[in-house]
Amino acid sequence: QVKLVQSGGGLVQAGGSLSVSCAASGLIFSGYNMGWFRQAPGKEREFVAAITRPGTTSYYADSVKGRFTISRDNAGNTMYLQMNSLKPEDTAVYYCAADGASWGSSAQLRFAGTYDYWGQGTQVTVSS
């Protein structure tokens, strides 16, 4: 049974930092591209960042580029999202996701439908 278990997140003031983690089990982690998405109240789920299987290539939404860093530890079956210089508009539920089939192109990994498995979601709230 595949599980993606998220931890981290929370409440922070604008300009602060938070991190979220995604621990995977029940799959060969190194065989999956991984991504982060977020969904704010009343809005559709949107792409945040993705990282390819070996961790050599990463992609970011323009809105978070330069502030967020995605990383992964294949030996520890865990992916991370470090979020710095947070803004109130970053407030959302953040979801991790695993993709086992795609080639890992930018277009594929920015599309939520590419992913096979999803985490439970983690609330990130940034106050102004």
Foldseek 3Di string as FASTA:
>chain_A
DKAWAKDWADEEAAQAKIKMKIAIPPDQLLLWKKFKWWDDPPGDIFGAKIAHSVRPDMDGDPVQPPFKDWGDDSVRRMIMIIGGNDDQVVWTWMKMFIARDDPDDPVLRRDPVRTDDMHPTDTHGYHD
